[in-house]
N, C-alpha and C. Protein backbone atom coordinates (compact mmCIF):
# COMPACT_ATOMS: atom_id res chain seq x y z
N MET A 1 -7.08 -4.60 -18.15
CA MET A 1 -8.18 -3.97 -17.28
C MET A 1 -9.10 -3.17 -17.89
N SER A 2 -10.36 -3.32 -17.69
CA SER A 2 -11.47 -2.54 -18.64
C SER A 2 -11.20 -1.45 -18.34
N ALA A 3 -11.77 -0.60 -19.12
CA ALA A 3 -12.41 0.83 -19.18
C ALA A 3 -13.04 1.45 -17.31
N LYS A 4 -14.01 0.32 -16.99
CA LYS A 4 -14.46 0.92 -16.43
C LYS A 4 -13.66 0.82 -14.59
N VAL A 5 -12.71 -0.34 -14.64
CA VAL A 5 -12.40 -0.24 -13.61
C VAL A 5 -11.25 0.40 -13.20
N LEU A 6 -10.60 0.94 -14.42
CA LEU A 6 -10.00 2.29 -14.71
C LEU A 6 -10.24 3.56 -14.06
N GLN A 7 -11.57 3.39 -14.56
CA GLN A 7 -12.64 4.82 -14.21
C GLN A 7 -12.53 5.12 -12.58
N LYS A 8 -12.95 3.90 -12.30
CA LYS A 8 -13.33 3.82 -10.53
C LYS A 8 -11.74 3.48 -10.07
N LEU A 9 -10.79 3.67 -10.17
CA LEU A 9 -9.72 3.71 -9.85
C LEU A 9 -9.26 5.48 -9.81
N LEU A 10 -8.83 5.72 -10.92
CA LEU A 10 -8.82 7.39 -11.10
C LEU A 10 -10.07 8.22 -10.26
N GLN A 11 -11.14 7.79 -9.95
CA GLN A 11 -12.17 8.27 -9.07
C GLN A 11 -11.82 8.57 -7.75
N SER A 12 -11.52 7.32 -7.24
CA SER A 12 -10.91 7.05 -5.54
C SER A 12 -9.87 7.69 -6.01
N MET A 13 -9.42 7.81 -6.47
CA MET A 13 -7.59 8.52 -6.57
C MET A 13 -7.56 10.25 -6.31
N PHE A 14 -8.54 10.39 -7.03
CA PHE A 14 -9.11 11.95 -6.99
C PHE A 14 -9.34 12.67 -5.92
N ARG A 15 -10.70 11.87 -5.69
CA ARG A 15 -11.16 12.13 -4.62
C ARG A 15 -11.01 12.44 -3.13
N GLY A 16 -9.79 11.93 -3.14
CA GLY A 16 -9.19 12.33 -1.73
C GLY A 16 -9.39 12.10 -0.61
N ASP A 17 -10.17 10.74 -0.28
CA ASP A 17 -10.96 9.96 0.90
C ASP A 17 -9.90 8.77 0.60
N ARG A 18 -9.18 8.39 1.65
CA ARG A 18 -8.05 7.31 1.43
C ARG A 18 -8.63 6.20 1.83
N ARG A 19 -10.06 6.43 2.43
CA ARG A 19 -10.79 5.09 3.01
C ARG A 19 -11.84 4.87 1.84
N ARG A 20 -11.91 5.64 1.06
CA ARG A 20 -12.76 4.72 -0.21
C ARG A 20 -11.71 4.43 -1.40
N ALA A 21 -10.74 4.51 -1.24
CA ALA A 21 -9.70 4.12 -2.05
C ALA A 21 -9.71 2.42 -2.01
N GLY A 22 -9.67 1.03 -3.22
CA GLY A 22 -9.66 0.12 -2.91
C GLY A 22 -8.35 -0.30 -2.31
N ARG A 23 -8.93 -1.22 -1.34
CA ARG A 23 -7.63 -1.86 -0.54
C ARG A 23 -7.49 -3.36 -0.58
N TYR A 24 -6.30 -3.72 -0.86
CA TYR A 24 -5.72 -4.98 -1.56
C TYR A 24 -4.62 -5.94 -0.45
N ALA A 25 -5.40 -6.82 -0.28
CA ALA A 25 -4.35 -7.56 0.72
C ALA A 25 -3.13 -7.99 -0.21
N VAL A 26 -1.70 -7.80 0.20
CA VAL A 26 -0.82 -8.45 -0.29
C VAL A 26 -0.07 -9.06 0.52
N GLY A 27 0.13 -9.04 1.63
CA GLY A 27 1.03 -10.13 2.99
C GLY A 27 2.28 -10.14 2.58
N LEU A 28 3.33 -8.52 1.82
CA LEU A 28 4.39 -8.65 1.34
C LEU A 28 5.56 -8.45 2.50
N GLY A 29 6.37 -9.48 2.79
CA GLY A 29 7.14 -9.84 4.11
C GLY A 29 8.46 -8.96 3.27
N ASP A 30 9.56 -8.52 3.80
CA ASP A 30 11.03 -7.72 3.31
C ASP A 30 10.77 -6.65 3.15
N ALA A 31 9.66 -5.60 3.23
CA ALA A 31 9.72 -4.35 3.21
C ALA A 31 10.22 -3.46 4.12
N VAL A 32 10.75 -2.40 4.12
CA VAL A 32 11.20 -1.38 4.92
C VAL A 32 10.84 -0.37 5.05
N VAL A 33 10.45 0.28 6.32
CA VAL A 33 10.28 1.69 6.50
C VAL A 33 11.14 2.34 7.19
N THR A 34 11.68 3.15 6.43
CA THR A 34 12.90 4.26 6.97
C THR A 34 12.27 5.30 7.22
N GLY A 35 12.95 5.83 8.23
CA GLY A 35 12.61 6.95 8.59
C GLY A 35 13.65 7.79 9.50
N ARG A 36 13.75 7.83 10.68
CA ARG A 36 15.27 8.48 11.65
C ARG A 36 15.65 6.86 11.38
N SER A 37 15.19 5.75 11.21
CA SER A 37 16.15 4.72 11.34
C SER A 37 15.10 3.72 10.34
N GLY A 38 16.05 2.54 10.06
CA GLY A 38 15.03 1.37 9.61
C GLY A 38 14.26 0.44 10.09
N THR A 39 12.98 -0.19 9.54
CA THR A 39 12.48 -1.43 10.46
C THR A 39 12.11 -2.32 9.23
N GLU A 40 12.19 -3.42 9.63
CA GLU A 40 11.34 -4.38 8.83
C GLU A 40 10.03 -4.95 8.86
N VAL A 41 8.89 -4.52 8.03
CA VAL A 41 7.73 -4.67 8.42
C VAL A 41 7.37 -5.44 6.98
N THR A 42 5.89 -5.84 7.30
CA THR A 42 5.05 -6.17 6.17
C THR A 42 4.17 -5.69 6.00
N ILE A 43 3.91 -5.41 4.64
CA ILE A 43 2.64 -4.87 3.88
C ILE A 43 1.39 -5.57 4.04
N LEU A 44 0.40 -5.74 4.82
CA LEU A 44 -0.59 -6.60 4.84
C LEU A 44 -1.49 -6.21 4.46
N ASP A 45 -1.65 -4.55 3.92
CA ASP A 45 -2.89 -4.24 2.73
C ASP A 45 -1.81 -2.98 1.74
N LEU A 46 -2.17 -2.90 0.52
CA LEU A 46 -2.31 -1.81 -0.33
C LEU A 46 -3.20 -0.80 -0.99
N SER A 47 -2.97 0.34 -1.21
CA SER A 47 -3.83 1.06 -1.53
C SER A 47 -3.12 2.33 -2.46
N LEU A 48 -4.24 2.61 -3.51
CA LEU A 48 -3.18 3.79 -4.44
C LEU A 48 -2.87 4.79 -3.12
N THR A 49 -3.52 5.54 -2.40
CA THR A 49 -3.27 6.53 -0.91
C THR A 49 -2.46 6.02 -0.09
N GLY A 50 -2.45 4.20 0.30
CA GLY A 50 -1.46 4.20 1.77
C GLY A 50 -1.12 2.65 1.64
N ALA A 51 -1.17 2.36 3.13
CA ALA A 51 -1.02 0.97 3.34
C ALA A 51 -1.03 0.36 4.69
N LEU A 52 -1.30 -0.40 4.98
CA LEU A 52 -1.34 -0.99 6.39
C LEU A 52 0.05 -1.93 6.77
N ILE A 53 0.95 -1.63 7.47
CA ILE A 53 1.83 -2.17 7.51
C ILE A 53 2.10 -2.93 9.16
N GLU A 54 3.10 -3.75 9.04
CA GLU A 54 2.73 -4.30 10.65
C GLU A 54 4.77 -4.87 11.02
N GLY A 55 4.55 -4.61 12.22
CA GLY A 55 6.47 -4.95 12.71
C GLY A 55 6.86 -4.58 13.81
N ALA A 56 7.79 -5.03 14.39
CA ALA A 56 8.15 -4.40 15.80
C ALA A 56 8.99 -2.18 15.75
N ASP A 57 8.82 -2.38 16.68
CA ASP A 57 9.16 -0.18 16.79
C ASP A 57 8.68 0.21 15.91
N LEU A 58 7.48 0.03 15.03
CA LEU A 58 7.19 1.29 14.12
C LEU A 58 6.94 2.39 14.32
N PRO A 59 7.27 3.29 13.68
CA PRO A 59 7.53 4.95 14.07
C PRO A 59 6.12 5.81 14.76
N PRO A 60 5.73 6.61 15.25
CA PRO A 60 4.96 7.05 16.10
C PRO A 60 3.95 7.93 14.77
N ALA A 61 2.70 7.99 15.36
CA ALA A 61 2.06 9.31 14.36
C ALA A 61 2.46 10.25 14.00
N GLY A 62 2.44 10.91 12.54
CA GLY A 62 2.86 12.19 12.22
C GLY A 62 4.23 11.81 11.44
N ALA A 63 5.23 10.84 11.96
CA ALA A 63 6.51 10.37 11.40
C ALA A 63 6.53 10.38 9.28
N ALA A 64 7.28 11.28 9.35
CA ALA A 64 7.76 11.03 8.04
C ALA A 64 8.49 10.17 7.42
N VAL A 65 8.29 8.85 6.72
CA VAL A 65 9.13 8.13 6.46
C VAL A 65 8.99 7.42 5.10
N THR A 66 10.09 6.60 4.40
CA THR A 66 9.44 5.78 3.17
C THR A 66 9.57 4.20 3.51
N LEU A 67 8.33 4.07 2.56
CA LEU A 67 8.57 2.46 2.49
C LEU A 67 8.91 2.03 1.32
N THR A 68 9.31 0.69 1.72
CA THR A 68 10.51 0.55 0.20
C THR A 68 10.50 -1.02 0.13
N HIS A 69 9.60 -1.42 -0.98
CA HIS A 69 10.06 -2.71 -1.49
C HIS A 69 10.33 -3.38 -2.71
N GLY A 70 10.91 -3.75 -3.14
CA GLY A 70 11.55 -3.86 -4.24
C GLY A 70 11.55 -2.80 -5.20
N THR A 71 11.34 -2.55 -5.89
CA THR A 71 11.10 -1.46 -7.18
C THR A 71 10.29 -0.26 -6.35
N LEU A 72 9.25 -1.01 -5.18
CA LEU A 72 8.65 0.48 -4.71
C LEU A 72 9.32 1.01 -3.49
N GLN A 73 9.34 2.29 -4.03
CA GLN A 73 9.71 3.67 -2.73
C GLN A 73 8.94 4.57 -2.84
N MET A 74 8.42 4.59 -1.44
CA MET A 74 7.20 5.71 -1.29
C MET A 74 7.39 6.30 -0.29
N PRO A 75 7.60 8.04 -0.39
CA PRO A 75 7.23 8.48 1.04
C PRO A 75 5.74 8.88 1.25
N ALA A 76 5.99 8.41 2.53
CA ALA A 76 4.46 8.83 3.29
C ALA A 76 5.08 9.58 4.76
N ALA A 77 3.55 9.26 5.41
CA ALA A 77 3.56 10.17 6.64
C ALA A 77 2.82 8.98 7.00
N VAL A 78 2.86 8.57 8.38
CA VAL A 78 2.05 7.64 9.49
C VAL A 78 0.95 8.19 10.23
N ALA A 79 0.04 7.34 9.66
CA ALA A 79 -1.34 8.15 9.46
C ALA A 79 -1.62 7.57 11.33
N TRP A 80 -1.74 6.96 11.80
CA TRP A 80 -1.79 6.08 13.32
C TRP A 80 -0.78 4.77 13.31
N SER A 81 -0.34 4.79 14.60
CA SER A 81 -0.19 3.60 14.99
C SER A 81 -0.46 2.74 16.01
N ASP A 82 -0.64 2.11 16.03
CA ASP A 82 -0.96 1.22 16.95
C ASP A 82 -0.30 -0.28 17.77
N GLY A 83 0.42 -0.34 18.42
CA GLY A 83 1.39 -1.50 18.68
C GLY A 83 2.10 -1.98 17.84
N GLY A 84 1.76 -3.20 17.06
CA GLY A 84 2.95 -3.08 16.10
C GLY A 84 2.40 -3.46 14.83
N ARG A 85 0.93 -2.27 14.74
CA ARG A 85 0.74 -2.07 13.39
C ARG A 85 0.53 -1.07 12.76
N ALA A 86 0.81 0.34 11.62
CA ALA A 86 0.45 1.04 11.00
C ALA A 86 -0.03 1.69 10.13
N GLY A 87 -0.90 2.52 9.94
CA GLY A 87 -1.49 3.20 9.00
C GLY A 87 -0.39 4.12 7.99
N LEU A 88 -0.33 4.28 6.88
CA LEU A 88 0.62 5.11 6.03
C LEU A 88 -0.19 5.72 4.99
N ARG A 89 -0.14 7.00 4.92
CA ARG A 89 -0.52 8.07 4.28
C ARG A 89 0.55 8.36 2.84
N PHE A 90 0.03 7.84 1.51
CA PHE A 90 1.54 8.49 0.93
C PHE A 90 1.36 10.07 0.48
N ASP A 91 2.82 10.42 0.47
CA ASP A 91 2.88 11.74 0.06
C ASP A 91 1.87 12.08 -1.60
N ARG A 92 2.33 10.98 -2.61
CA ARG A 92 1.44 11.06 -3.49
C ARG A 92 0.72 10.32 -3.88
N PRO A 93 -0.11 9.81 -4.81
CA PRO A 93 -0.49 8.39 -5.20
C PRO A 93 0.15 7.58 -5.92
N LEU A 94 -0.07 6.06 -5.33
CA LEU A 94 0.69 5.03 -6.03
C LEU A 94 0.69 5.07 -7.51
N PRO A 95 0.93 4.89 -8.71
CA PRO A 95 0.58 5.26 -9.97
C PRO A 95 0.06 3.54 -9.59
N VAL A 96 -1.40 3.83 -10.64
CA VAL A 96 -2.32 2.14 -11.02
C VAL A 96 -1.51 1.21 -11.41
N GLU A 97 -0.63 1.45 -12.32
CA GLU A 97 0.36 0.38 -13.06
C GLU A 97 0.97 -0.38 -11.87
N GLN A 98 1.58 0.18 -11.11
CA GLN A 98 2.55 -0.18 -10.20
C GLN A 98 1.91 -0.60 -8.80
N LEU A 99 0.71 -0.11 -8.24
CA LEU A 99 -0.33 -0.94 -7.48
C LEU A 99 -0.88 -2.06 -8.03
N PHE A 100 -1.30 -2.12 -9.50
CA PHE A 100 -1.80 -3.70 -9.86
C PHE A 100 -0.41 -4.58 -10.11
N THR A 101 0.40 -4.52 -10.53
CA THR A 101 1.92 -5.14 -10.77
C THR A 101 2.22 -5.75 -9.21
N ILE A 102 1.99 -4.94 -8.44
CA ILE A 102 2.22 -5.34 -6.64
C ILE A 102 1.02 -6.25 -6.37
N VAL A 103 -0.12 -5.89 -6.50
CA VAL A 103 -1.33 -7.15 -6.14
C VAL A 103 -1.11 -8.03 -7.11
N HIS A 104 -1.38 -8.13 -7.90
CA HIS A 104 -1.11 -9.23 -9.08
C HIS A 104 -0.01 -10.48 -8.82
N SER A 105 1.36 -10.03 -8.26
CA SER A 105 2.38 -10.52 -7.76
C SER A 105 2.11 -11.36 -6.75
N ALA A 106 1.95 -10.82 -5.96
CA ALA A 106 1.39 -10.83 -4.43
C ALA A 106 0.32 -12.30 -4.33
N GLN A 107 -0.52 -12.02 -5.33
CA GLN A 107 -1.54 -13.26 -4.96
C GLN A 107 -1.25 -13.77 -6.15
N PHE A 108 -0.24 -13.75 -7.01
CA PHE A 108 0.45 -15.23 -7.97
C PHE A 108 1.47 -15.86 -7.02
N ARG A 109 1.76 -15.21 -6.11
CA ARG A 109 2.58 -15.89 -4.93
C ARG A 109 1.65 -16.93 -4.54
N ARG A 110 0.76 -16.38 -3.81
CA ARG A 110 -0.43 -17.57 -3.10
C ARG A 110 -1.23 -18.00 -3.50
N GLY A 111 -0.47 -17.97 -4.80
CA GLY A 111 -1.83 -19.44 -5.87
C GLY A 111 -2.61 -18.31 -6.19
N GLU A 112 -3.39 -17.33 -6.19
CA GLU A 112 -4.56 -17.31 -6.58
C GLU A 112 -4.51 -16.42 -7.94
N GLY A 113 -5.62 -16.42 -8.08
CA GLY A 113 -6.14 -15.84 -9.82
C GLY A 113 -6.03 -14.54 -9.29
N LEU A 114 -6.43 -13.86 -10.28
CA LEU A 114 -6.56 -12.14 -10.47
C LEU A 114 -7.53 -11.56 -9.56
N PRO A 115 -6.76 -10.25 -8.87
CA PRO A 115 -8.19 -9.94 -8.27
C PRO A 115 -9.49 -9.41 -8.89
N ALA A 116 -10.42 -9.74 -8.06
CA ALA A 116 -11.97 -9.34 -8.69
C ALA A 116 -11.08 -8.25 -9.73
N ALA A 117 -11.10 -7.02 -9.10
CA ALA A 117 -11.17 -5.21 -9.57
C ALA A 117 -10.24 -5.85 -11.10
N LEU A 118 -9.77 -6.91 -11.37
CA LEU A 118 -8.84 -6.84 -12.27
C LEU A 118 -9.93 -8.02 -13.46
N ALA A 119 -10.22 -8.62 -12.81
CA ALA A 119 -10.91 -10.19 -13.83
C ALA A 119 -12.28 -9.19 -14.14
N ALA A 120 -12.78 -8.25 -13.91
CA ALA A 120 -13.82 -7.71 -14.25
C ALA A 120 -14.08 -7.09 -15.80
């Protein structure tokens, strides 16, 4: 990863504006959101500060949850929920290395190359 890419990631992480954090399409099934109960979800996209998830019976906005997929276990709050989709805001930023490991493995499974941000 180039120093320029890492610098941009760190700036977006500390800026505090979750909408400006780079989002990466991952399409990961077999994830679980737990709060009062567990719900199977698909992680549609992932960033340093949150995730877009899809599933049935999602928790309402404001609920405290944990997003789990493989080694990923991120405490979060449901920022919004609309039908079968919800936006999660992580309690703390996802480590950069973990984000790119997840993104790379998701894209590798789909037969894609490196994400543009990593190829730079």
